[in-house]
Protein backbone atom coordinates (compact mmCIF):
# COMPACT_ATOMS: atom_id res chain seq x y z
CA MET A 1 -189.82 31.67 -17.04
CA PRO A 2 -190.40 30.59 -21.13
CA VAL A 3 -193.56 27.87 -21.69
CA THR A 4 -190.91 26.23 -23.25
CA ASP A 5 -188.74 25.35 -20.37
CA SER A 6 -191.18 25.01 -18.05
CA MET A 7 -192.44 21.70 -20.06
CA PHE A 8 -189.38 20.39 -18.99
CA LEU A 9 -189.83 21.22 -14.95
CA MET A 10 -193.15 20.36 -15.40
CA ALA A 11 -192.70 16.53 -17.15
CA GLU A 12 -190.25 15.83 -14.89
CA SER A 13 -190.53 12.86 -12.63
CA ARG A 14 -188.46 9.90 -10.80
CA GLU A 15 -189.21 7.75 -13.67
CA HIS A 16 -188.79 10.69 -16.35
CA PRO A 17 -185.66 12.59 -15.60
CA MET A 18 -185.35 15.66 -17.75
CA HIS A 19 -181.50 16.75 -17.99
CA VAL A 20 -179.14 16.28 -20.90
CA GLY A 21 -175.48 14.90 -20.34
CA GLY A 22 -171.73 13.78 -21.91
CA LEU A 23 -169.02 12.50 -20.61
CA GLN A 24 -165.59 13.94 -21.60
CA LEU A 25 -162.42 11.83 -21.81
CA PHE A 26 -158.76 13.39 -21.32
CA THR A 27 -155.49 12.69 -21.26
CA PRO A 28 -153.49 14.26 -18.80
CA PRO A 29 -150.36 16.51 -20.31
CA ASP A 30 -147.20 14.78 -20.24
CA GLY A 31 -145.08 15.55 -17.18
CA ALA A 32 -148.54 15.09 -15.30
CA GLY A 33 -148.25 14.18 -11.76
CA PRO A 34 -150.21 11.88 -9.52
CA ASP A 35 -152.00 14.83 -8.07
CA HIS A 36 -153.14 15.95 -11.56
CA VAL A 37 -156.88 15.33 -11.46
CA ARG A 38 -156.99 16.99 -8.03
CA SER A 39 -155.41 20.06 -9.38
CA VAL A 40 -158.33 19.94 -12.31
CA VAL A 41 -160.96 19.93 -9.61
CA GLU A 42 -159.20 22.61 -7.70
CA THR A 43 -158.76 25.16 -10.88
CA MET A 44 -162.77 23.94 -12.01
CA ARG A 45 -163.34 25.61 -8.01
CA ASP A 46 -161.65 28.64 -8.18
CA HIS A 47 -164.35 29.76 -10.40
CA ALA A 48 -166.74 31.05 -8.07
CA GLU A 49 -167.91 33.24 -10.19
CA VAL A 50 -171.25 32.44 -12.57
CA SER A 51 -173.23 33.43 -15.59
CA GLU A 52 -176.79 34.36 -15.28
CA LYS A 53 -177.88 31.42 -17.33
CA PHE A 54 -175.98 28.91 -14.19
CA GLY A 55 -176.89 30.86 -11.07
CA ARG A 56 -180.68 30.41 -12.22
CA ARG A 57 -182.89 28.12 -9.77
CA PRO A 58 -186.00 27.46 -9.79
CA ALA A 59 -188.53 29.83 -7.61
CA ASP A 60 -189.56 28.50 -4.53
CA PRO A 61 -192.02 26.71 -3.81
CA VAL A 62 -189.94 24.77 -6.35
CA GLY A 63 -193.30 23.07 -6.81
CA ILE A 64 -195.64 25.48 -8.08
CA LEU A 65 -194.00 28.54 -8.42
CA GLY A 66 -190.80 27.25 -9.48
CA ASN A 67 -192.16 25.56 -12.81
CA THR A 68 -192.90 28.99 -14.47
CA TRP A 69 -190.91 31.63 -12.59
CA TRP A 70 -186.40 31.85 -12.45
CA SER A 71 -184.88 32.86 -9.33
CA SER A 72 -180.99 33.71 -8.66
CA VAL A 73 -178.64 32.23 -6.22
CA ASP A 74 -176.48 34.66 -4.11
CA SER A 75 -173.28 32.14 -4.00
CA LEU A 76 -172.47 29.05 -5.63
CA ASP A 77 -171.70 25.92 -3.31
CA LEU A 78 -168.72 24.51 -6.31
CA GLU A 79 -167.73 21.88 -3.66
CA TYR A 80 -171.72 20.53 -4.00
CA HIS A 81 -171.62 21.52 -8.43
CA VAL A 82 -167.83 19.83 -8.74
CA ARG A 83 -167.48 16.56 -7.66
CA HIS A 84 -164.79 14.54 -7.69
CA SER A 85 -164.36 10.73 -7.57
CA ALA A 86 -162.59 7.98 -8.26
CA LEU A 87 -163.27 4.55 -10.10
CA PRO A 88 -163.10 1.25 -8.22
CA ARG A 89 -160.12 -1.07 -9.38
CA PRO A 90 -159.68 -2.21 -11.76
CA GLY A 91 -160.95 0.68 -13.58
CA ARG A 92 -162.24 0.11 -16.76
CA ILE A 93 -164.02 1.92 -19.21
CA ARG A 94 -167.06 -1.04 -17.89
CA GLU A 95 -166.93 0.80 -14.54
CA LEU A 96 -167.16 4.29 -16.07
CA PHE A 97 -169.99 3.82 -17.51
CA GLN A 98 -171.94 1.98 -14.31
CA GLN A 99 -171.26 4.80 -12.57
CA VAL A 100 -171.94 7.76 -15.71
CA SER A 101 -175.41 5.82 -15.70
CA LEU A 102 -175.81 5.79 -11.94
CA TRP A 103 -175.19 9.70 -12.21
CA HIS A 104 -177.31 10.23 -15.34
CA GLU A 105 -180.55 9.04 -13.38
CA THR A 106 -180.85 11.02 -10.61
CA LEU A 107 -182.82 13.43 -10.26
CA LEU A 108 -181.02 17.41 -9.98
CA ASP A 109 -181.79 19.25 -7.06
CA ARG A 110 -184.20 21.89 -7.83
CA HIS A 111 -183.18 23.98 -4.64
CA ARG A 112 -179.89 24.72 -6.50
CA PRO A 113 -178.38 25.50 -10.20
CA MET A 114 -179.69 22.62 -11.54
CA TRP A 115 -176.22 21.38 -13.26
CA GLU A 116 -173.36 19.19 -11.89
CA VAL A 117 -169.59 18.23 -12.70
CA HIS A 118 -168.39 15.26 -12.02
CA VAL A 119 -164.32 14.42 -12.13
CA VAL A 120 -163.54 11.02 -12.08
CA GLU A 121 -159.94 9.67 -11.32
CA GLY A 122 -158.54 5.81 -11.71
CA LEU A 123 -158.79 5.02 -15.18
CA GLU A 124 -156.31 1.97 -15.77
CA ASP A 125 -155.07 4.13 -19.33
CA GLY A 126 -154.42 6.88 -16.70
CA ARG A 127 -156.79 9.04 -18.71
CA TYR A 128 -159.54 11.04 -16.31
CA ALA A 129 -163.02 12.06 -16.81
CA VAL A 130 -165.26 14.53 -16.64
CA PHE A 131 -169.02 13.92 -16.71
CA SER A 132 -171.36 16.86 -16.79
CA LYS A 133 -175.19 17.11 -16.93
CA VAL A 134 -177.31 20.14 -16.86
CA HIS A 135 -181.39 20.22 -16.45
CA HIS A 136 -183.19 20.50 -20.17
CA SER A 137 -184.86 23.77 -18.98
CA LEU A 138 -181.23 25.30 -18.81
CA VAL A 139 -180.06 24.07 -22.23
CA ASP A 140 -180.70 21.72 -24.29
CA GLY A 141 -178.10 19.34 -25.74
CA VAL A 142 -176.37 21.00 -28.88
CA SER A 143 -176.19 24.64 -25.86
CA ALA A 144 -174.63 22.49 -23.48
CA LEU A 145 -171.61 21.14 -26.15
CA ARG A 146 -171.62 24.90 -27.45
CA TYR A 147 -170.66 25.99 -23.80
CA MET A 148 -168.51 22.84 -23.36
CA THR A 149 -166.29 23.90 -26.58
CA LEU A 150 -165.89 27.40 -25.35
CA ALA A 151 -164.11 26.17 -22.65
CA LEU A 152 -161.92 24.21 -24.55
CA SER A 153 -158.63 25.05 -27.07
CA ASN A 154 -156.32 23.94 -29.94
CA ASP A 155 -153.69 25.21 -28.19
CA PRO A 156 -151.64 22.31 -26.16
CA ASN A 157 -150.21 25.23 -24.01
CA ASP A 158 -152.90 27.31 -23.25
CA GLU A 159 -153.69 26.42 -19.66
CA GLY A 160 -156.35 28.99 -18.92
CA GLY A 161 -158.62 26.56 -17.84
CA ARG A 162 -162.13 28.20 -18.44
CA VAL A 163 -165.09 26.91 -17.35
CA VAL A 164 -168.89 26.83 -18.74
CA TRP A 165 -170.55 28.63 -15.75
CA GLN A 166 -168.19 31.28 -15.92
CA PRO A 167 -169.59 34.84 -16.89
CA GLY A 168 -168.62 36.29 -20.41
CA LEU A 169 -167.08 32.91 -21.69
CA ARG A 170 -165.88 33.62 -25.08
CA ARG A 171 -164.23 31.27 -27.58
CA LYS A 172 -160.31 32.67 -28.06
CA LYS A 173 -159.37 33.26 -31.26
CA SER A 174 -156.76 29.90 -31.35
CA ALA A 175 -159.72 28.05 -30.75
CA PRO A 176 -161.98 26.96 -33.53
CA ALA A 177 -166.23 27.09 -33.72
CA ALA A 178 -168.12 23.42 -32.99
CA GLU A 179 -169.18 22.11 -36.46
CA PRO A 180 -171.08 19.53 -37.30
CA ALA A 181 -169.27 17.26 -39.84
CA PRO A 182 -168.98 17.62 -43.04
CA SER A 183 -172.00 17.02 -44.97
CA SER A 184 -170.91 15.29 -48.27
CA GLY A 185 -173.96 15.46 -49.75
CA GLY A 186 -176.16 15.62 -46.18
CA GLY A 187 -174.30 14.64 -43.46
CA LEU A 188 -174.86 15.06 -39.70
CA LEU A 189 -176.00 17.94 -38.78
CA PRO A 190 -176.67 20.44 -35.53
CA PHE A 191 -180.21 19.51 -34.41
CA ASN A 192 -181.91 18.95 -30.68
CA PRO A 193 -185.74 16.98 -31.61
CA LEU A 194 -186.86 17.79 -27.95
CA SER A 195 -185.84 21.54 -28.69
CA THR A 196 -187.17 22.24 -32.03
CA ALA A 197 -190.62 23.00 -30.21
CA LYS A 198 -189.07 26.25 -28.85
CA GLN A 199 -189.12 27.54 -32.75
CA ILE A 200 -192.46 27.54 -33.26
CA GLY A 201 -194.04 30.86 -31.78
CA GLY A 202 -193.40 32.46 -34.97
CA LEU A 203 -195.54 30.24 -37.05
CA THR A 204 -199.19 32.47 -37.02
CA GLY A 205 -198.65 33.53 -40.56
CA GLU A 206 -198.53 30.59 -42.10
CA VAL A 207 -201.24 28.82 -40.36
CA LEU A 208 -203.36 28.94 -43.39
CA GLY A 209 -201.18 27.75 -45.78
CA MET A 210 -201.08 24.66 -43.51
CA LEU A 211 -204.09 22.81 -44.61
CA PRO A 212 -203.63 22.59 -48.25
CA ALA A 213 -199.70 21.50 -46.85
CA SER A 214 -201.11 18.69 -44.72
CA LEU A 215 -202.80 17.73 -47.53
CA LYS A 216 -200.05 17.55 -49.71
CA VAL A 217 -198.04 15.09 -46.97
CA ALA A 218 -201.33 13.43 -46.95
CA GLY A 219 -201.18 12.39 -50.60
CA THR A 220 -197.38 11.81 -50.73
CA SER A 221 -197.85 8.92 -47.77
CA PHE A 222 -200.34 7.33 -49.67
CA ARG A 223 -198.72 7.24 -53.12
CA ASP A 224 -194.84 7.03 -52.08
CA HIS A 225 -194.01 3.58 -49.57
CA ASP A 226 -190.87 5.56 -49.13
CA TYR A 227 -192.51 8.56 -47.55
CA GLN A 228 -192.72 7.40 -43.61
CA ALA A 229 -195.41 9.09 -41.53
CA PRO A 230 -196.09 9.00 -37.43
CA PHE A 231 -197.64 5.93 -36.55
CA GLN A 232 -196.59 3.15 -39.16
CA ALA A 233 -193.64 1.44 -36.54
CA PRO A 234 -194.12 -1.64 -35.04
CA HIS A 235 -194.50 -2.00 -31.45
CA THR A 236 -191.11 -2.96 -29.87
CA ILE A 237 -189.49 -3.56 -26.64
CA PHE A 238 -188.33 0.16 -26.78
CA ASN A 239 -192.18 1.06 -26.81
CA VAL A 240 -193.16 0.71 -23.51
CA PRO A 241 -193.66 2.62 -19.60
CA ILE A 242 -190.15 3.50 -18.55
CA GLY A 243 -188.27 3.28 -14.92
CA GLY A 244 -186.40 5.70 -13.48
CA ALA A 245 -182.68 3.50 -13.75
CA ARG A 246 -180.54 4.07 -16.55
CA ARG A 247 -177.85 2.63 -18.58
CA PHE A 248 -175.60 4.34 -20.95
CA VAL A 249 -172.86 2.86 -22.97
CA ALA A 250 -170.93 4.45 -25.51
CA GLN A 251 -167.90 4.23 -28.32
CA SER A 252 -166.13 6.10 -30.92
CA TYR A 253 -166.03 5.01 -34.59
CA SER A 254 -164.22 6.75 -37.29
CA LEU A 255 -165.70 9.60 -39.40
CA ASP A 256 -162.63 7.95 -42.07
CA ARG A 257 -164.10 4.45 -42.25
CA ILE A 258 -168.23 6.08 -42.26
CA ASP A 259 -166.77 8.18 -45.38
CA ALA A 260 -165.35 6.13 -47.24
CA VAL A 261 -168.25 3.99 -47.14
CA ARG A 262 -170.25 6.97 -47.80
CA ALA A 263 -168.34 7.60 -51.14
CA LYS A 264 -168.46 3.79 -52.13
CA ALA A 265 -172.17 3.59 -51.80
CA GLY A 266 -173.17 7.38 -53.18
CA ALA A 267 -175.08 7.73 -49.94
CA THR A 268 -174.29 10.87 -47.67
CA VAL A 269 -172.84 10.38 -43.94
CA ASN A 270 -176.18 10.32 -42.56
CA ASP A 271 -177.30 7.80 -44.65
CA ILE A 272 -174.46 5.47 -43.67
CA VAL A 273 -174.94 6.56 -39.93
CA LEU A 274 -178.90 4.89 -40.44
CA ALA A 275 -177.36 1.93 -42.07
CA MET A 276 -175.34 1.26 -38.68
CA CYS A 277 -178.15 1.94 -36.03
CA GLY A 278 -180.63 -0.12 -38.62
CA GLY A 279 -177.97 -3.20 -38.70
CA ALA A 280 -177.50 -2.90 -34.96
CA LEU A 281 -180.65 -3.13 -33.74
CA ARG A 282 -181.65 -5.88 -35.95
CA SER A 283 -179.00 -8.06 -34.55
CA TYR A 284 -179.68 -6.84 -30.70
CA LEU A 285 -183.12 -7.77 -31.32
CA ALA A 286 -182.91 -10.85 -32.76
CA GLU A 287 -180.46 -11.74 -30.22
CA LEU A 288 -183.73 -10.99 -27.68
CA GLY A 289 -186.14 -12.92 -29.98
CA GLU A 290 -187.91 -9.58 -30.44
CA LEU A 291 -187.56 -8.64 -34.10
CA PRO A 292 -190.29 -7.48 -35.46
CA ASP A 293 -191.31 -8.24 -39.41
CA ARG A 294 -191.94 -4.59 -39.85
CA SER A 295 -188.85 -2.47 -40.11
CA LEU A 296 -188.11 0.19 -37.10
CA THR A 297 -187.98 3.46 -37.81
CA ALA A 298 -186.15 6.87 -36.26
CA MET A 299 -186.85 10.60 -35.75
CA VAL A 300 -183.88 12.18 -37.35
CA PRO A 301 -182.85 15.29 -38.64
CA VAL A 302 -182.23 15.43 -42.83
CA SER A 303 -180.47 18.23 -44.92
CA LEU A 304 -183.30 20.14 -46.81
CA HIS A 305 -180.61 21.29 -49.39
CA LYS A 306 -180.88 19.80 -53.01
CA ASP A 307 -177.67 17.94 -54.01
CA GLY A 308 -174.91 20.04 -54.62
CA GLU A 309 -176.17 22.90 -53.21
CA GLU A 310 -173.73 24.53 -50.38
CA SER A 311 -174.59 23.20 -46.69
CA ASN A 312 -176.56 25.53 -44.70
CA SER A 313 -176.86 23.74 -40.91
CA ASN A 314 -180.49 25.64 -40.70
CA ALA A 315 -182.04 23.87 -43.41
CA VAL A 316 -183.22 21.16 -41.46
CA GLY A 317 -185.72 18.87 -40.57
CA ALA A 318 -187.03 16.34 -38.14
CA VAL A 319 -188.57 13.62 -40.77
CA ILE A 320 -189.23 9.84 -39.63
CA ALA A 321 -187.23 7.57 -41.65
CA THR A 322 -187.23 3.51 -41.82
CA LEU A 323 -184.19 1.78 -40.84
CA GLY A 324 -184.30 -1.73 -42.47
CA THR A 325 -184.28 -3.62 -40.05
CA ASP A 326 -186.15 -6.35 -41.89
CA LEU A 327 -183.65 -6.35 -44.10
CA VAL A 328 -180.68 -9.16 -43.88
CA ASP A 329 -178.47 -7.65 -47.16
CA PRO A 330 -176.39 -4.06 -45.71
CA VAL A 331 -176.84 -3.17 -49.71
CA ASP A 332 -180.72 -2.88 -49.56
CA ARG A 333 -180.77 -1.21 -46.07
CA VAL A 334 -178.78 1.31 -47.41
CA GLU A 335 -181.06 1.76 -50.18
CA VAL A 336 -184.26 2.03 -48.79
CA ILE A 337 -182.92 4.21 -45.90
CA ARG A 338 -181.67 6.73 -48.86
CA GLY A 339 -185.22 6.17 -50.77
CA SER A 340 -186.69 7.24 -47.00
CA VAL A 341 -185.42 10.04 -46.23
CA ARG A 342 -185.21 11.24 -49.96
CA ALA A 343 -188.98 11.17 -49.83
CA ALA A 344 -189.17 12.71 -46.74
CA ARG A 345 -186.25 15.36 -48.36
CA LYS A 346 -188.57 15.89 -51.26
CA VAL A 347 -191.95 16.69 -48.89
CA MET A 348 -190.32 19.38 -47.18
CA GLY A 349 -188.34 20.87 -50.03
CA GLU A 350 -192.13 21.81 -51.52
CA LEU A 351 -192.70 23.37 -48.31
CA SER A 352 -192.20 26.69 -46.74
CA PRO A 353 -189.69 27.18 -44.09
CA LEU A 354 -192.03 27.63 -41.29
CA GLN A 355 -194.13 24.79 -42.96
CA VAL A 356 -191.09 22.80 -42.67
CA LEU A 357 -190.78 23.67 -39.12
CA ALA A 358 -194.77 23.09 -38.29
CA LEU A 359 -194.53 19.78 -39.78
CA SER A 360 -191.47 18.96 -37.95
CA ALA A 361 -193.13 19.85 -34.95
CA ALA A 362 -195.71 17.53 -35.84
CA ASN A 363 -193.64 14.71 -35.90
CA ILE A 364 -191.81 15.61 -32.56
CA ALA A 365 -195.64 15.62 -31.50
CA GLY A 366 -195.59 11.81 -30.91
CA LEU A 367 -193.40 12.55 -27.99
CA ALA A 368 -195.87 14.78 -26.29
CA PRO A 369 -198.33 12.34 -24.87
CA GLY A 370 -195.29 10.65 -22.77
CA MET A 371 -195.27 13.62 -20.77
CA LEU A 372 -199.26 12.78 -19.60
CA PRO A 373 -199.31 10.90 -16.25
CA GLY A 374 -200.53 6.96 -16.67
CA TYR A 375 -199.95 7.36 -20.01
CA THR A 376 -199.83 4.02 -22.07
CA PRO A 377 -198.46 3.87 -25.36
CA LEU A 378 -200.65 2.78 -28.02
CA ARG A 379 -199.75 -0.21 -29.71
CA ARG A 380 -198.26 1.09 -32.66
CA PRO A 381 -196.13 3.24 -31.75
CA PRO A 382 -195.11 6.93 -33.71
CA PHE A 383 -191.28 5.76 -34.19
CA ASN A 384 -189.25 3.69 -32.06
CA LEU A 385 -186.69 5.45 -30.73
CA VAL A 386 -184.95 9.04 -31.58
CA ILE A 387 -181.47 9.27 -33.27
CA SER A 388 -180.33 12.83 -32.88
CA ASN A 389 -176.62 14.42 -32.92
CA VAL A 390 -175.04 17.22 -32.20
CA PRO A 391 -172.38 19.58 -33.22
CA GLY A 392 -169.08 19.33 -31.92
CA PRO A 393 -164.83 20.31 -32.37
CA ARG A 394 -163.34 19.73 -35.75
CA GLU A 395 -159.96 19.50 -34.47
CA ALA A 396 -157.92 18.19 -31.71
CA MET A 397 -159.24 20.16 -28.51
CA TYR A 398 -157.67 20.52 -24.73
CA TRP A 399 -158.63 21.39 -21.56
CA ASN A 400 -155.50 22.90 -19.50
CA GLY A 401 -152.81 21.20 -21.60
CA ALA A 402 -155.11 17.65 -21.60
CA HIS A 403 -155.72 16.50 -24.55
CA LEU A 404 -159.59 15.72 -25.05
CA ASP A 405 -159.91 12.53 -26.68
CA GLY A 406 -163.56 11.61 -26.67
CA ILE A 407 -167.44 13.09 -26.19
CA TYR A 408 -170.31 11.21 -26.06
CA PRO A 409 -173.29 12.83 -25.47
CA ALA A 410 -176.38 11.39 -23.07
CA SER A 411 -179.50 12.34 -23.75
CA ILE A 412 -183.25 11.45 -22.33
CA ALA A 413 -185.08 8.65 -22.66
CA TRP A 414 -188.88 9.03 -22.98
CA GLU A 415 -191.87 7.09 -21.74
CA GLY A 416 -192.58 4.80 -24.81
CA GLN A 417 -188.83 5.51 -25.99
CA ALA A 418 -186.92 3.51 -24.02
CA VAL A 419 -184.03 3.88 -25.98
CA ASN A 420 -182.35 7.06 -27.10
CA ILE A 421 -178.73 7.37 -29.48
CA THR A 422 -177.25 10.83 -29.69
CA ILE A 423 -173.99 11.08 -32.02
CA CYS A 424 -171.60 13.99 -31.67
CA THR A 425 -168.39 15.19 -33.65
CA ASN A 426 -165.55 15.27 -32.84
CA ASN A 427 -162.21 15.59 -34.89
CA ARG A 428 -162.11 12.76 -37.11
CA ASN A 429 -164.28 10.44 -35.11
CA LEU A 430 -168.41 10.01 -34.39
CA GLU A 431 -168.98 9.50 -30.49
CA PHE A 432 -172.00 7.74 -30.07
CA GLY A 433 -173.63 8.00 -26.47
CA ILE A 434 -176.81 4.99 -26.11
CA VAL A 435 -178.87 6.15 -23.22
CA ALA A 436 -181.75 3.41 -22.12
CA CYS A 437 -184.46 2.13 -19.51
CA ARG A 438 -182.15 0.08 -17.55
CA THR A 439 -185.22 -2.66 -16.75
CA SER A 440 -186.77 -2.36 -20.10
CA VAL A 441 -183.78 -2.72 -22.19
CA PRO A 442 -181.56 -5.19 -21.38
CA HIS A 443 -177.63 -5.97 -21.97
CA VAL A 444 -177.49 -2.32 -24.06
CA GLN A 445 -173.61 -2.84 -24.29
CA ARG A 446 -174.33 -5.08 -26.73
CA LEU A 447 -175.70 -2.62 -29.39
CA ILE A 448 -171.94 -1.07 -29.10
CA HIS A 449 -170.42 -4.26 -30.70
CA HIS A 450 -173.35 -4.33 -33.10
CA LEU A 451 -172.81 -1.23 -34.30
CA GLU A 452 -168.79 -2.12 -35.05
CA ASP A 453 -170.41 -5.11 -36.96
CA ALA A 454 -172.91 -3.17 -38.61
CA LEU A 455 -169.96 -0.99 -39.94
CA THR A 456 -167.82 -3.48 -40.83
CA GLU A 457 -170.08 -5.71 -43.01
CA LEU A 458 -171.16 -2.07 -44.90
CA GLU A 459 -166.90 -1.77 -45.56
CA LYS A 460 -167.37 -5.29 -46.94
CA ALA A 461 -170.53 -4.92 -48.55
CA PHE A 462 -169.19 -2.12 -50.76
CA THR A 463 -165.72 -2.92 -51.53
């Protein structure tokens, strides 16, 4: 087992589950009967063969050898891995989120392949949901969504019923590749900050070049007040030790709305998304009387391409950006966010690709102390939260004739990082999934309403 996979097993505890998940909502095809969801479950369970990756489990004994070595199962108990549930009445989205929260906070069984799929019926609007989770030692969030997308089709008449764990899963010609949203000069990009450390093994040849690069970054941090370095964030209710209980909430926002604001503001999609998050977090913390005078910061992915340069999803860096939570005016908030991201892009644009990766890894290293037993966050955290994104389908997608209405990522809350916001592209929507520590972040569902208010405020400000 690579050490970069082992670290997620060794860091896991009851308070810190190390799996990623996702909630998908489907509208059944026309003419679907009352047994449609049961047939969905049966179709999934009929795929008894499992790929090598999804047939792995930690070796015995799981707490010792299992942190360093994989073993393979001889057979898969699909009645355990694929579970059929129903919501209590009235079957609102609220009840669905409550159930997903409970599933997302429980640890995966290390004596079995570490993944589960929950198929849920009983929604009041007639739709059904699929919540899946997989341990981060097996796949990261980007890879998990890629597997899910491979099982989909853009043909509503395709009744192939593919599943993510089947061997040899390949995209059919009719299905589009999973891609990020249009960059519009630096938009959302495929990136998972908890997985970037897996790429740093090839940095040896550039180690000597890191000293002058580090001095350059330090000089920029001193001279350029827009540049955000680690450990400049204020302490908030998010930056505390966390318990094991979770809350999950999600919402879709029209990419057309966000893109219209972007065009009028002369900004990027990423800038507007960060401005939405900044406005929402400002309102949420103010309601609780916990809004600090200093702006919150977030670790985010950014494009390192120059304006007008063709987008390339590999040109991505992990930077720390201000969220402008200390500002009342949404126009001012967009401007400080743009300046912060621009300053980070400028610094990274002067470094080699491997130095960029090393600097990104250094930013991510602010999460590492949370793996240590008994860790207590410093008074000033490296950043206040992670705002990440994963690429999703770019057009309408179907599974066995059912229309995919939404994909909502569920990521990892971390010690000292009690809330995580992850965004996924889906057709012409941006899907926000928010995971938070239940005890540290009260009434997290209010963030969904504040995100809508923040987007409306931006629309009015740039009319």
